[in-house]
Amino acid sequence: MTITMPTSPNQRIATATSGSSLADVLERVLDKGIVIAGDISVSVGSTELLSIRIRLLVSSVDKAKEMGINWWENDPYLSSKASQLLEANRQLLEANQRMQAQISHLETELKALQASARV
């Protein structure tokens, strides 16, 4: 931090942070990203009762994607595309179950035809 002492009553003290606004700081943090990490342990004697690991990443969406983090794109509660994929998967699962039931029915009929042919 740079501090200059005033030589007259009209001069102000200049600091290196006097030109930075909250918006500037927030823009820098989102552009570069910031990681906050910590561990909390609650113990009685030598017995650990609770252990919490905290990992927090603050960044812009673009920076997160650049780092390979995009979990929100596949979360059905946050993405309409993900909910459409879930619906398509549900329909495929139902079609698969119908086909398996039909195959089981056909195998049963085939066994019955083979048994009647032997007689």
PDB file of N, CA and C in Angstrom:
ATOM      1  N   MET A   1       0.844  -1.155   0.000  1.00  0.00           N
ATOM      2  CA  MET A   1       0.000   0.000   0.000  1.00  0.00           C
ATOM      3  C   MET A   1       0.894   1.224   0.000  1.00  0.00           C
ATOM      4  N   THR A   2       0.526   2.198  -0.805  1.00  0.00           N
ATOM      5  CA  THR A   2       1.292   3.430  -0.905  1.00  0.00           C
ATOM      6  C   THR A   2       0.578   4.523  -0.132  1.00  0.00           C
ATOM      7  N   ILE A   3       1.274   5.157   0.775  1.00  0.00           N
ATOM      8  CA  ILE A   3       0.685   6.248   1.551  1.00  0.00           C
ATOM      9  C   ILE A   3       1.561   7.479   1.379  1.00  0.00           C
ATOM     10  N   THR A   4       0.927   8.586   1.048  1.00  0.00           N
ATOM     11  CA  THR A   4       1.659   9.852   0.969  1.00  0.00           C
ATOM     12  C   THR A   4       1.071  10.799   1.996  1.00  0.00           C
ATOM     13  N   MET A   5       1.899  11.516   2.656  1.00  0.00           N
ATOM     14  CA  MET A   5       1.451  12.450   3.682  1.00  0.00           C
ATOM     15  C   MET A   5       1.104  13.786   3.038  1.00  0.00           C
ATOM     16  N   PRO A   6      -0.012  14.387   3.431  1.00  0.00           N
ATOM     17  CA  PRO A   6      -0.383  15.675   2.837  1.00  0.00           C
ATOM     18  C   PRO A   6       0.574  16.781   3.278  1.00  0.00           C
ATOM     19  N   THR A   7       0.870  17.665   2.337  1.00  0.00           N
ATOM     20  CA  THR A   7       1.710  18.816   2.664  1.00  0.00           C
ATOM     21  C   THR A   7       0.874  20.062   2.886  1.00  0.00           C
ATOM     22  N   SER A   8      -0.388  19.993   2.417  1.00  0.00           N
ATOM     23  CA  SER A   8      -1.294  21.114   2.669  1.00  0.00           C
ATOM     24  C   SER A   8      -2.639  20.559   3.105  1.00  0.00           C
ATOM     25  N   PRO A   9      -3.499  21.348   3.726  1.00  0.00           N
ATOM     26  CA  PRO A   9      -4.789  20.861   4.199  1.00  0.00           C
ATOM     27  C   PRO A   9      -5.714  20.388   3.085  1.00  0.00           C
ATOM     28  N   ASN A  10      -5.526  20.781   1.846  1.00  0.00           N
ATOM     29  CA  ASN A  10      -6.402  20.394   0.746  1.00  0.00           C
ATOM     30  C   ASN A  10      -6.026  19.057   0.126  1.00  0.00           C
ATOM     31  N   GLN A  11      -4.857  18.530   0.440  1.00  0.00           N
ATOM     32  CA  GLN A  11      -4.415  17.251  -0.135  1.00  0.00           C
ATOM     33  C   GLN A  11      -5.009  16.093   0.662  1.00  0.00           C
ATOM     34  N   ARG A  12      -5.240  14.992  -0.032  1.00  0.00           N
ATOM     35  CA  ARG A  12      -5.757  13.770   0.600  1.00  0.00           C
ATOM     36  C   ARG A  12      -4.656  12.740   0.689  1.00  0.00           C
ATOM     37  N   ILE A  13      -4.854  11.742   1.545  1.00  0.00           N
ATOM     38  CA  ILE A  13      -3.921  10.625   1.626  1.00  0.00           C
ATOM     39  C   ILE A  13      -4.264   9.667   0.488  1.00  0.00           C
ATOM     40  N   ALA A  14      -3.293   9.365  -0.351  1.00  0.00           N
ATOM     41  CA  ALA A  14      -3.496   8.464  -1.491  1.00  0.00           C
ATOM     42  C   ALA A  14      -3.052   7.064  -1.100  1.00  0.00           C
ATOM     43  N   THR A  15      -3.893   6.083  -1.414  1.00  0.00           N
ATOM     44  CA  THR A  15      -3.533   4.688  -1.182  1.00  0.00           C
ATOM     45  C   THR A  15      -3.687   3.933  -2.489  1.00  0.00           C
ATOM     46  N   ALA A  16      -3.086   2.766  -2.560  1.00  0.00           N
ATOM     47  CA  ALA A  16      -3.158   1.961  -3.778  1.00  0.00           C
ATOM     48  C   ALA A  16      -4.550   1.411  -4.005  1.00  0.00           C
ATOM     49  N   THR A  17      -5.354   1.261  -2.956  1.00  0.00           N
ATOM     50  CA  THR A  17      -6.689   0.687  -3.099  1.00  0.00           C
ATOM     51  C   THR A  17      -7.762   1.740  -3.269  1.00  0.00           C
ATOM     52  N   SER A  18      -7.394   3.032  -3.284  1.00  0.00           N
ATOM     53  CA  SER A  18      -8.420   4.067  -3.357  1.00  0.00           C
ATOM     54  C   SER A  18      -9.166   4.045  -4.689  1.00  0.00           C
ATOM     55  N   GLY A  19      -8.579   3.533  -5.769  1.00  0.00           N
ATOM     56  CA  GLY A  19      -9.231   3.508  -7.068  1.00  0.00           C
ATOM     57  C   GLY A  19     -10.050   2.260  -7.316  1.00  0.00           C
ATOM     58  N   SER A  20      -9.991   1.256  -6.453  1.00  0.00           N
ATOM     59  CA  SER A  20     -10.702   0.002  -6.666  1.00  0.00           C
ATOM     60  C   SER A  20     -12.077   0.057  -6.024  1.00  0.00           C
ATOM     61  N   SER A  21     -13.074  -0.242  -6.824  1.00  0.00           N
ATOM     62  CA  SER A  21     -14.426  -0.335  -6.284  1.00  0.00           C
ATOM     63  C   SER A  21     -14.766  -1.807  -6.076  1.00  0.00           C
ATOM     64  N   LEU A  22     -15.871  -2.037  -5.440  1.00  0.00           N
ATOM     65  CA  LEU A  22     -16.318  -3.415  -5.211  1.00  0.00           C
ATOM     66  C   LEU A  22     -16.524  -4.136  -6.533  1.00  0.00           C
ATOM     67  N   ALA A  23     -17.030  -3.423  -7.521  1.00  0.00           N
ATOM     68  CA  ALA A  23     -17.248  -4.026  -8.841  1.00  0.00           C
ATOM     69  C   ALA A  23     -15.922  -4.457  -9.475  1.00  0.00           C
ATOM     70  N   ASP A  24     -14.887  -3.645  -9.305  1.00  0.00           N
ATOM     71  CA  ASP A  24     -13.565  -3.996  -9.854  1.00  0.00           C
ATOM     72  C   ASP A  24     -13.015  -5.250  -9.193  1.00  0.00           C
ATOM     73  N   VAL A  25     -13.141  -5.309  -7.876  1.00  0.00           N
ATOM     74  CA  VAL A  25     -12.639  -6.472  -7.143  1.00  0.00           C
ATOM     75  C   VAL A  25     -13.419  -7.717  -7.537  1.00  0.00           C
ATOM     76  N   LEU A  26     -14.742  -7.604  -7.618  1.00  0.00           N
ATOM     77  CA  LEU A  26     -15.573  -8.745  -8.007  1.00  0.00           C
ATOM     78  C   LEU A  26     -15.232  -9.206  -9.426  1.00  0.00           C
ATOM     79  N   GLU A  27     -14.996  -8.271 -10.327  1.00  0.00           N
ATOM     80  CA  GLU A  27     -14.630  -8.634 -11.695  1.00  0.00           C
ATOM     81  C   GLU A  27     -13.311  -9.407 -11.726  1.00  0.00           C
ATOM     82  N   ARG A  28     -12.350  -8.974 -10.938  1.00  0.00           N
ATOM     83  CA  ARG A  28     -11.053  -9.674 -10.880  1.00  0.00           C
ATOM     84  C   ARG A  28     -11.205 -11.077 -10.304  1.00  0.00           C
ATOM     85  N   VAL A  29     -12.006 -11.197  -9.240  1.00  0.00           N
ATOM     86  CA  VAL A  29     -12.201 -12.512  -8.619  1.00  0.00           C
ATOM     87  C   VAL A  29     -12.880 -13.461  -9.583  1.00  0.00           C
ATOM     88  N   LEU A  30     -13.931 -12.997 -10.271  1.00  0.00           N
ATOM     89  CA  LEU A  30     -14.640 -13.869 -11.212  1.00  0.00           C
ATOM     90  C   LEU A  30     -13.779 -14.201 -12.425  1.00  0.00           C
ATOM     91  N   ASP A  31     -12.933 -13.286 -12.841  1.00  0.00           N
ATOM     92  CA  ASP A  31     -12.068 -13.534 -13.986  1.00  0.00           C
ATOM     93  C   ASP A  31     -10.997 -14.563 -13.663  1.00  0.00           C
ATOM     94  N   LYS A  32     -10.374 -14.465 -12.521  1.00  0.00           N
ATOM     95  CA  LYS A  32      -9.286 -15.361 -12.138  1.00  0.00           C
ATOM     96  C   LYS A  32      -9.782 -16.573 -11.358  1.00  0.00           C
ATOM     97  N   GLY A  33     -10.817 -16.399 -10.542  1.00  0.00           N
ATOM     98  CA  GLY A  33     -11.305 -17.469  -9.685  1.00  0.00           C
ATOM     99  C   GLY A  33     -10.607 -17.429  -8.341  1.00  0.00           C
ATOM    100  N   ILE A  34     -11.272 -17.936  -7.339  1.00  0.00           N
ATOM    101  CA  ILE A  34     -10.706 -17.999  -5.992  1.00  0.00           C
ATOM    102  C   ILE A  34     -11.160 -19.305  -5.358  1.00  0.00           C
ATOM    103  N   VAL A  35     -10.258 -19.942  -4.637  1.00  0.00           N
ATOM    104  CA  VAL A  35     -10.571 -21.200  -3.962  1.00  0.00           C
ATOM    105  C   VAL A  35     -10.399 -20.988  -2.466  1.00  0.00           C
ATOM    106  N   ILE A  36     -11.404 -21.413  -1.723  1.00  0.00           N
ATOM    107  CA  ILE A  36     -11.339 -21.371  -0.265  1.00  0.00           C
ATOM    108  C   ILE A  36     -11.492 -22.805   0.217  1.00  0.00           C
ATOM    109  N   ALA A  37     -10.548 -23.269   1.012  1.00  0.00           N
ATOM    110  CA  ALA A  37     -10.567 -24.651   1.480  1.00  0.00           C
ATOM    111  C   ALA A  37     -10.349 -24.667   2.982  1.00  0.00           C
ATOM    112  N   GLY A  38     -11.001 -25.610   3.646  1.00  0.00           N
ATOM    113  CA  GLY A  38     -10.803 -25.740   5.080  1.00  0.00           C
ATOM    114  C   GLY A  38     -11.337 -27.057   5.594  1.00  0.00           C
ATOM    115  N   ASP A  39     -10.820 -27.486   6.722  1.00  0.00           N
ATOM    116  CA  ASP A  39     -11.255 -28.714   7.373  1.00  0.00           C
ATOM    117  C   ASP A  39     -11.686 -28.376   8.797  1.00  0.00           C
ATOM    118  N   ILE A  40     -12.799 -28.963   9.217  1.00  0.00           N
ATOM    119  CA  ILE A  40     -13.299 -28.779  10.585  1.00  0.00           C
ATOM    120  C   ILE A  40     -13.428 -30.150  11.220  1.00  0.00           C
ATOM    121  N   SER A  41     -12.866 -30.321  12.396  1.00  0.00           N
ATOM    122  CA  SER A  41     -12.982 -31.593  13.115  1.00  0.00           C
ATOM    123  C   SER A  41     -13.459 -31.316  14.524  1.00  0.00           C
ATOM    124  N   VAL A  42     -14.419 -32.128  14.964  1.00  0.00           N
ATOM    125  CA  VAL A  42     -14.909 -32.050  16.337  1.00  0.00           C
ATOM    126  C   VAL A  42     -14.534 -33.362  17.002  1.00  0.00           C
ATOM    127  N   SER A  43     -13.731 -33.260  18.064  1.00  0.00           N
ATOM    128  CA  SER A  43     -13.251 -34.457  18.754  1.00  0.00           C
ATOM    129  C   SER A  43     -13.475 -34.326  20.258  1.00  0.00           C
ATOM    130  N   VAL A  44     -13.718 -35.459  20.870  1.00  0.00           N
ATOM    131  CA  VAL A  44     -13.760 -35.548  22.325  1.00  0.00           C
ATOM    132  C   VAL A  44     -12.680 -36.538  22.716  1.00  0.00           C
ATOM    133  N   GLY A  45     -11.680 -36.037  23.405  1.00  0.00           N
ATOM    134  CA  GLY A  45     -10.543 -36.892  23.728  1.00  0.00           C
ATOM    135  C   GLY A  45      -9.832 -37.260  22.437  1.00  0.00           C
ATOM    136  N   SER A  46      -9.646 -38.545  22.211  1.00  0.00           N
ATOM    137  CA  SER A  46      -9.002 -38.992  20.975  1.00  0.00           C
ATOM    138  C   SER A  46     -10.021 -39.530  19.977  1.00  0.00           C
ATOM    139  N   THR A  47     -11.334 -39.366  20.266  1.00  0.00           N
ATOM    140  CA  THR A  47     -12.386 -39.857  19.383  1.00  0.00           C
ATOM    141  C   THR A  47     -12.927 -38.718  18.534  1.00  0.00           C
ATOM    142  N   GLU A  48     -12.803 -38.874  17.223  1.00  0.00           N
ATOM    143  CA  GLU A  48     -13.323 -37.861  16.313  1.00  0.00           C
ATOM    144  C   GLU A  48     -14.815 -38.088  16.109  1.00  0.00           C
ATOM    145  N   LEU A  49     -15.616 -37.080  16.428  1.00  0.00           N
ATOM    146  CA  LEU A  49     -17.066 -37.189  16.305  1.00  0.00           C
ATOM    147  C   LEU A  49     -17.581 -36.683  14.959  1.00  0.00           C
ATOM    148  N   LEU A  50     -16.935 -35.662  14.441  1.00  0.00           N
ATOM    149  CA  LEU A  50     -17.412 -35.046  13.213  1.00  0.00           C
ATOM    150  C   LEU A  50     -16.232 -34.492  12.436  1.00  0.00           C
ATOM    151  N   SER A  51     -16.261 -34.716  11.132  1.00  0.00           N
ATOM    152  CA  SER A  51     -15.219 -34.170  10.261  1.00  0.00           C
ATOM    153  C   SER A  51     -15.894 -33.581   9.032  1.00  0.00           C
ATOM    154  N   ILE A  52     -15.619 -32.319   8.768  1.00  0.00           N
ATOM    155  CA  ILE A  52     -16.227 -31.627   7.629  1.00  0.00           C
ATOM    156  C   ILE A  52     -15.111 -31.047   6.775  1.00  0.00           C
ATOM    157  N   ARG A  53     -15.175 -31.337   5.479  1.00  0.00           N
ATOM    158  CA  ARG A  53     -14.212 -30.757   4.529  1.00  0.00           C
ATOM    159  C   ARG A  53     -14.967 -29.746   3.682  1.00  0.00           C
ATOM    160  N   ILE A  54     -14.493 -28.529   3.668  1.00  0.00           N
ATOM    161  CA  ILE A  54     -15.149 -27.457   2.929  1.00  0.00           C
ATOM    162  C   ILE A  54     -14.253 -27.050   1.775  1.00  0.00           C
ATOM    163  N   ARG A  55     -14.799 -27.070   0.566  1.00  0.00           N
ATOM    164  CA  ARG A  55     -14.097 -26.623  -0.619  1.00  0.00           C
ATOM    165  C   ARG A  55     -15.038 -25.692  -1.366  1.00  0.00           C
ATOM    166  N   LEU A  56     -14.626 -24.466  -1.572  1.00  0.00           N
ATOM    167  CA  LEU A  56     -15.465 -23.471  -2.233  1.00  0.00           C
ATOM    168  C   LEU A  56     -14.682 -22.844  -3.374  1.00  0.00           C
ATOM    169  N   LEU A  57     -15.284 -22.831  -4.543  1.00  0.00           N
ATOM    170  CA  LEU A  57     -14.677 -22.211  -5.710  1.00  0.00           C
ATOM    171  C   LEU A  57     -15.605 -21.094  -6.166  1.00  0.00           C
ATOM    172  N   VAL A  58     -15.087 -19.900  -6.268  1.00  0.00           N
ATOM    173  CA  VAL A  58     -15.847 -18.761  -6.768  1.00  0.00           C
ATOM    174  C   VAL A  58     -15.198 -18.334  -8.069  1.00  0.00           C
ATOM    175  N   SER A  59     -15.971 -18.392  -9.163  1.00  0.00           N
ATOM    176  CA  SER A  59     -15.444 -17.986 -10.459  1.00  0.00           C
ATOM    177  C   SER A  59     -16.612 -17.714 -11.393  1.00  0.00           C
ATOM    178  N   SER A  60     -16.311 -17.206 -12.552  1.00  0.00           N
ATOM    179  CA  SER A  60     -17.337 -17.012 -13.575  1.00  0.00           C
ATOM    180  C   SER A  60     -17.639 -18.355 -14.230  1.00  0.00           C
ATOM    181  N   VAL A  61     -18.756 -18.433 -14.913  1.00  0.00           N
ATOM    182  CA  VAL A  61     -19.137 -19.657 -15.617  1.00  0.00           C
ATOM    183  C   VAL A  61     -18.091 -20.006 -16.674  1.00  0.00           C
ATOM    184  N   ASP A  62     -17.630 -19.003 -17.391  1.00  0.00           N
ATOM    185  CA  ASP A  62     -16.628 -19.250 -18.436  1.00  0.00           C
ATOM    186  C   ASP A  62     -15.337 -19.809 -17.850  1.00  0.00           C
ATOM    187  N   LYS A  63     -14.888 -19.243 -16.722  1.00  0.00           N
ATOM    188  CA  LYS A  63     -13.655 -19.722 -16.084  1.00  0.00           C
ATOM    189  C   LYS A  63     -13.855 -21.148 -15.565  1.00  0.00           C
ATOM    190  N   ALA A  64     -15.031 -21.437 -14.989  1.00  0.00           N
ATOM    191  CA  ALA A  64     -15.305 -22.790 -14.491  1.00  0.00           C
ATOM    192  C   ALA A  64     -15.289 -23.797 -15.637  1.00  0.00           C
ATOM    193  N   LYS A  65     -15.909 -23.455 -16.759  1.00  0.00           N
ATOM    194  CA  LYS A  65     -15.897 -24.356 -17.926  1.00  0.00           C
ATOM    195  C   LYS A  65     -14.477 -24.564 -18.428  1.00  0.00           C
ATOM    196  N   GLU A  66     -13.683 -23.499 -18.395  1.00  0.00           N
ATOM    197  CA  GLU A  66     -12.289 -23.595 -18.814  1.00  0.00           C
ATOM    198  C   GLU A  66     -11.522 -24.578 -17.935  1.00  0.00           C
ATOM    199  N   MET A  67     -11.885 -24.662 -16.652  1.00  0.00           N
ATOM    200  CA  MET A  67     -11.237 -25.585 -15.716  1.00  0.00           C
ATOM    201  C   MET A  67     -11.851 -26.981 -15.755  1.00  0.00           C
ATOM    202  N   GLY A  68     -12.908 -27.173 -16.572  1.00  0.00           N
ATOM    203  CA  GLY A  68     -13.524 -28.487 -16.697  1.00  0.00           C
ATOM    204  C   GLY A  68     -14.649 -28.732 -15.707  1.00  0.00           C
ATOM    205  N   ILE A  69     -15.175 -27.685 -15.117  1.00  0.00           N
ATOM    206  CA  ILE A  69     -16.272 -27.817 -14.151  1.00  0.00           C
ATOM    207  C   ILE A  69     -17.554 -27.365 -14.841  1.00  0.00           C
ATOM    208  N   ASN A  70     -18.507 -28.277 -15.010  1.00  0.00           N
ATOM    209  CA  ASN A  70     -19.773 -27.935 -15.663  1.00  0.00           C
ATOM    210  C   ASN A  70     -20.935 -28.778 -15.140  1.00  0.00           C
ATOM    211  N   TRP A  71     -20.937 -29.086 -13.867  1.00  0.00           N
ATOM    212  CA  TRP A  71     -21.958 -29.973 -13.300  1.00  0.00           C
ATOM    213  C   TRP A  71     -23.361 -29.422 -13.455  1.00  0.00           C
ATOM    214  N   TRP A  72     -23.542 -28.126 -13.533  1.00  0.00           N
ATOM    215  CA  TRP A  72     -24.874 -27.538 -13.626  1.00  0.00           C
ATOM    216  C   TRP A  72     -25.536 -27.830 -14.962  1.00  0.00           C
ATOM    217  N   GLU A  73     -24.752 -28.191 -15.984  1.00  0.00           N
ATOM    218  CA  GLU A  73     -25.336 -28.483 -17.289  1.00  0.00           C
ATOM    219  C   GLU A  73     -26.109 -29.797 -17.287  1.00  0.00           C
ATOM    220  N   ASN A  74     -25.792 -30.713 -16.385  1.00  0.00           N
ATOM    221  CA  ASN A  74     -26.449 -32.021 -16.333  1.00  0.00           C
ATOM    222  C   ASN A  74     -27.394 -32.156 -15.152  1.00  0.00           C
ATOM    223  N   ASP A  75     -27.581 -31.108 -14.390  1.00  0.00           N
ATOM    224  CA  ASP A  75     -28.481 -31.140 -13.240  1.00  0.00           C
ATOM    225  C   ASP A  75     -29.897 -30.842 -13.718  1.00  0.00           C
ATOM    226  N   PRO A  76     -30.840 -31.782 -13.565  1.00  0.00           N
ATOM    227  CA  PRO A  76     -32.192 -31.570 -14.092  1.00  0.00           C
ATOM    228  C   PRO A  76     -32.928 -30.408 -13.431  1.00  0.00           C
ATOM    229  N   TYR A  77     -32.502 -30.002 -12.251  1.00  0.00           N
ATOM    230  CA  TYR A  77     -33.150 -28.893 -11.574  1.00  0.00           C
ATOM    231  C   TYR A  77     -32.622 -27.540 -12.060  1.00  0.00           C
ATOM    232  N   LEU A  78     -31.502 -27.532 -12.753  1.00  0.00           N
ATOM    233  CA  LEU A  78     -30.898 -26.286 -13.203  1.00  0.00           C
ATOM    234  C   LEU A  78     -30.882 -26.131 -14.710  1.00  0.00           C
ATOM    235  N   SER A  79     -31.111 -27.211 -15.457  1.00  0.00           N
ATOM    236  CA  SER A  79     -30.985 -27.156 -16.908  1.00  0.00           C
ATOM    237  C   SER A  79     -32.185 -27.819 -17.575  1.00  0.00           C
ATOM    238  N   SER A  80     -32.812 -27.107 -18.503  1.00  0.00           N
ATOM    239  CA  SER A  80     -33.938 -27.704 -19.230  1.00  0.00           C
ATOM    240  C   SER A  80     -33.439 -28.808 -20.152  1.00  0.00           C
ATOM    241  N   LYS A  81     -32.213 -28.675 -20.663  1.00  0.00           N
ATOM    242  CA  LYS A  81     -31.642 -29.711 -21.527  1.00  0.00           C
ATOM    243  C   LYS A  81     -31.478 -31.023 -20.750  1.00  0.00           C
ATOM    244  N   ALA A  82     -31.041 -30.912 -19.500  1.00  0.00           N
ATOM    245  CA  ALA A  82     -30.858 -32.112 -18.683  1.00  0.00           C
ATOM    246  C   ALA A  82     -32.193 -32.779 -18.392  1.00  0.00           C
ATOM    247  N   SER A  83     -33.248 -31.997 -18.149  1.00  0.00           N
ATOM    248  CA  SER A  83     -34.552 -32.608 -17.881  1.00  0.00           C
ATOM    249  C   SER A  83     -35.091 -33.295 -19.134  1.00  0.00           C
ATOM    250  N   GLN A  84     -34.790 -32.744 -20.318  1.00  0.00           N
ATOM    251  CA  GLN A  84     -35.204 -33.403 -21.561  1.00  0.00           C
ATOM    252  C   GLN A  84     -34.465 -34.726 -21.736  1.00  0.00           C
ATOM    253  N   LEU A  85     -33.176 -34.755 -21.377  1.00  0.00           N
ATOM    254  CA  LEU A  85     -32.406 -35.999 -21.448  1.00  0.00           C
ATOM    255  C   LEU A  85     -32.947 -37.030 -20.472  1.00  0.00           C
ATOM    256  N   LEU A  86     -33.346 -36.591 -19.276  1.00  0.00           N
ATOM    257  CA  LEU A  86     -33.926 -37.516 -18.309  1.00  0.00           C
ATOM    258  C   LEU A  86     -35.218 -38.124 -18.841  1.00  0.00           C
ATOM    259  N   GLU A  87     -36.051 -37.313 -19.484  1.00  0.00           N
ATOM    260  CA  GLU A  87     -37.299 -37.813 -20.057  1.00  0.00           C
ATOM    261  C   GLU A  87     -37.012 -38.820 -21.169  1.00  0.00           C
ATOM    262  N   ALA A  88     -36.041 -38.525 -22.013  1.00  0.00           N
ATOM    263  CA  ALA A  88     -35.671 -39.453 -23.090  1.00  0.00           C
ATOM    264  C   ALA A  88     -35.141 -40.760 -22.512  1.00  0.00           C
ATOM    265  N   ASN A  89     -34.334 -40.686 -21.452  1.00  0.00           N
ATOM    266  CA  ASN A  89     -33.826 -41.899 -20.798  1.00  0.00           C
ATOM    267  C   ASN A  89     -34.956 -42.711 -20.187  1.00  0.00           C
ATOM    268  N   ARG A  90     -35.939 -42.026 -19.602  1.00  0.00           N
ATOM    269  CA  ARG A  90     -37.081 -42.735 -19.011  1.00  0.00           C
ATOM    270  C   ARG A  90     -37.859 -43.477 -20.097  1.00  0.00           C
ATOM    271  N   GLN A  91     -38.067 -42.827 -21.257  1.00  0.00           N
ATOM    272  CA  GLN A  91     -38.778 -43.476 -22.356  1.00  0.00           C
ATOM    273  C   GLN A  91     -38.007 -44.677 -22.894  1.00  0.00           C
ATOM    274  N   LEU A  92     -36.690 -44.553 -22.995  1.00  0.00           N
ATOM    275  CA  LEU A  92     -35.866 -45.681 -23.445  1.00  0.00           C
ATOM    276  C   LEU A  92     -35.938 -46.839 -22.462  1.00  0.00           C
ATOM    277  N   LEU A  93     -35.931 -46.534 -21.180  1.00  0.00           N
ATOM    278  CA  LEU A  93     -36.023 -47.577 -20.160  1.00  0.00           C
ATOM    279  C   LEU A  93     -37.353 -48.313 -20.251  1.00  0.00           C
ATOM    280  N   GLU A  94     -38.448 -47.572 -20.444  1.00  0.00           N
ATOM    281  CA  GLU A  94     -39.767 -48.213 -20.582  1.00  0.00           C
ATOM    282  C   GLU A  94     -39.819 -49.098 -21.833  1.00  0.00           C
ATOM    283  N   ALA A  95     -39.267 -48.613 -22.947  1.00  0.00           N
ATOM    284  CA  ALA A  95     -39.252 -49.407 -24.178  1.00  0.00           C
ATOM    285  C   ALA A  95     -38.420 -50.668 -23.988  1.00  0.00           C
ATOM    286  N   ASN A  96     -37.300 -50.558 -23.296  1.00  0.00           N
ATOM    287  CA  ASN A  96     -36.442 -51.712 -23.012  1.00  0.00           C
ATOM    288  C   ASN A  96     -37.191 -52.737 -22.157  1.00  0.00           C
ATOM    289  N   GLN A  97     -37.917 -52.282 -21.158  1.00  0.00           N
ATOM    290  CA  GLN A  97     -38.681 -53.209 -20.303  1.00  0.00           C
ATOM    291  C   GLN A  97     -39.772 -53.916 -21.097  1.00  0.00           C
ATOM    292  N   ARG A  98     -40.452 -53.188 -22.002  1.00  0.00           N
ATOM    293  CA  ARG A  98     -41.486 -53.823 -22.844  1.00  0.00           C
ATOM    294  C   ARG A  98     -40.868 -54.891 -23.743  1.00  0.00           C
ATOM    295  N   MET A  99     -39.701 -54.585 -24.338  1.00  0.00           N
ATOM    296  CA  MET A  99     -39.037 -55.567 -25.211  1.00  0.00           C
ATOM    297  C   MET A  99     -38.606 -56.796 -24.426  1.00  0.00           C
ATOM    298  N   GLN A 100     -38.082 -56.605 -23.225  1.00  0.00           N
ATOM    299  CA  GLN A 100     -37.673 -57.752 -22.405  1.00  0.00           C
ATOM    300  C   GLN A 100     -38.875 -58.621 -22.048  1.00  0.00           C
ATOM    301  N   ALA A 101     -40.013 -58.006 -21.757  1.00  0.00           N
ATOM    302  CA  ALA A 101     -41.223 -58.772 -21.452  1.00  0.00           C
ATOM    303  C   ALA A 101     -41.688 -59.545 -22.691  1.00  0.00           C
ATOM    304  N   GLN A 102     -41.606 -58.926 -23.849  1.00  0.00           N
ATOM    305  CA  GLN A 102     -42.008 -59.596 -25.090  1.00  0.00           C
ATOM    306  C   GLN A 102     -41.064 -60.754 -25.403  1.00  0.00           C
ATOM    307  N   ILE A 103     -39.763 -60.567 -25.192  1.00  0.00           N
ATOM    308  CA  ILE A 103     -38.798 -61.651 -25.418  1.00  0.00           C
ATOM    309  C   ILE A 103     -39.090 -62.825 -24.484  1.00  0.00           C
ATOM    310  N   SER A 104     -39.366 -62.540 -23.224  1.00  0.00           N
ATOM    311  CA  SER A 104     -39.695 -63.608 -22.268  1.00  0.00           C
ATOM    312  C   SER A 104     -40.951 -64.366 -22.708  1.00  0.00           C
ATOM    313  N   HIS A 105     -41.947 -63.634 -23.183  1.00  0.00           N
ATOM    314  CA  HIS A 105     -43.182 -64.267 -23.649  1.00  0.00           C
ATOM    315  C   HIS A 105     -42.905 -65.151 -24.867  1.00  0.00           C
ATOM    316  N   LEU A 106     -42.107 -64.657 -25.812  1.00  0.00           N
ATOM    317  CA  LEU A 106     -41.782 -65.443 -27.008  1.00  0.00           C
ATOM    318  C   LEU A 106     -40.969 -66.688 -26.661  1.00  0.00           C
ATOM    319  N   GLU A 107     -40.035 -66.564 -25.698  1.00  0.00           N
ATOM    320  CA  GLU A 107     -39.256 -67.736 -25.282  1.00  0.00           C
ATOM    321  C   GLU A 107     -40.161 -68.790 -24.651  1.00  0.00           C
ATOM    322  N   THR A 108     -41.146 -68.364 -23.879  1.00  0.00           N
ATOM    323  CA  THR A 108     -42.098 -69.305 -23.265  1.00  0.00           C
ATOM    324  C   THR A 108     -42.910 -70.017 -24.346  1.00  0.00           C
ATOM    325  N   GLU A 109     -43.384 -69.265 -25.329  1.00  0.00           N
ATOM    326  CA  GLU A 109     -44.149 -69.877 -26.423  1.00  0.00           C
ATOM    327  C   GLU A 109     -43.289 -70.842 -27.220  1.00  0.00           C
ATOM    328  N   LEU A 110     -42.019 -70.498 -27.456  1.00  0.00           N
ATOM    329  CA  LEU A 110     -41.113 -71.379 -28.203  1.00  0.00           C
ATOM    330  C   LEU A 110     -40.899 -72.676 -27.467  1.00  0.00           C
ATOM    331  N   LYS A 111     -40.722 -72.628 -26.154  1.00  0.00           N
ATOM    332  CA  LYS A 111     -40.543 -73.857 -25.348  1.00  0.00           C
ATOM    333  C   LYS A 111     -41.803 -74.720 -25.413  1.00  0.00           C
ATOM    334  N   ALA A 112     -42.949 -74.068 -25.368  1.00  0.00           N
ATOM    335  CA  ALA A 112     -44.199 -74.830 -25.434  1.00  0.00           C
ATOM    336  C   ALA A 112     -44.350 -75.492 -26.809  1.00  0.00           C
ATOM    337  N   LEU A 113     -44.008 -74.832 -27.892  1.00  0.00           N
ATOM    338  CA  LEU A 113     -44.081 -75.410 -29.233  1.00  0.00           C
ATOM    339  C   LEU A 113     -43.097 -76.573 -29.388  1.00  0.00           C
ATOM    340  N   GLN A 114     -41.886 -76.420 -28.812  1.00  0.00           N
ATOM    341  CA  GLN A 114     -40.911 -77.492 -28.896  1.00  0.00           C
ATOM    342  C   GLN A 114     -41.369 -78.719 -28.105  1.00  0.00           C
ATOM    343  N   ALA A 115     -42.008 -78.499 -26.977  1.00  0.00           N
ATOM    344  CA  ALA A 115     -42.510 -79.612 -26.167  1.00  0.00           C
ATOM    345  C   ALA A 115     -43.638 -80.323 -26.895  1.00  0.00           C
ATOM    346  N   SER A 116     -44.522 -79.597 -27.565  1.00  0.00           N
ATOM    347  CA  SER A 116     -45.647 -80.225 -28.259  1.00  0.00           C
ATOM    348  C   SER A 116     -45.170 -80.946 -29.519  1.00  0.00           C
ATOM    349  N   ALA A 117     -44.071 -80.491 -30.127  1.00  0.00           N
ATOM    350  CA  ALA A 117     -43.531 -81.144 -31.315  1.00  0.00           C
ATOM    351  C   ALA A 117     -42.918 -82.498 -30.966  1.00  0.00           C
ATOM    352  N   ARG A 118     -42.421 -82.659 -29.763  1.00  0.00           N
ATOM    353  CA  ARG A 118     -41.813 -83.914 -29.311  1.00  0.00           C
ATOM    354  C   ARG A 118     -42.857 -84.998 -29.059  1.00  0.00           C
ATOM    355  N   VAL A 119     -44.027 -84.592 -28.764  1.00  0.00           N
ATOM    356  CA  VAL A 119     -45.063 -85.558 -28.411  1.00  0.00           C
ATOM    357  C   VAL A 119     -45.622 -86.254 -29.590  1.00  0.00           C
TER     358      VAL A 119
END
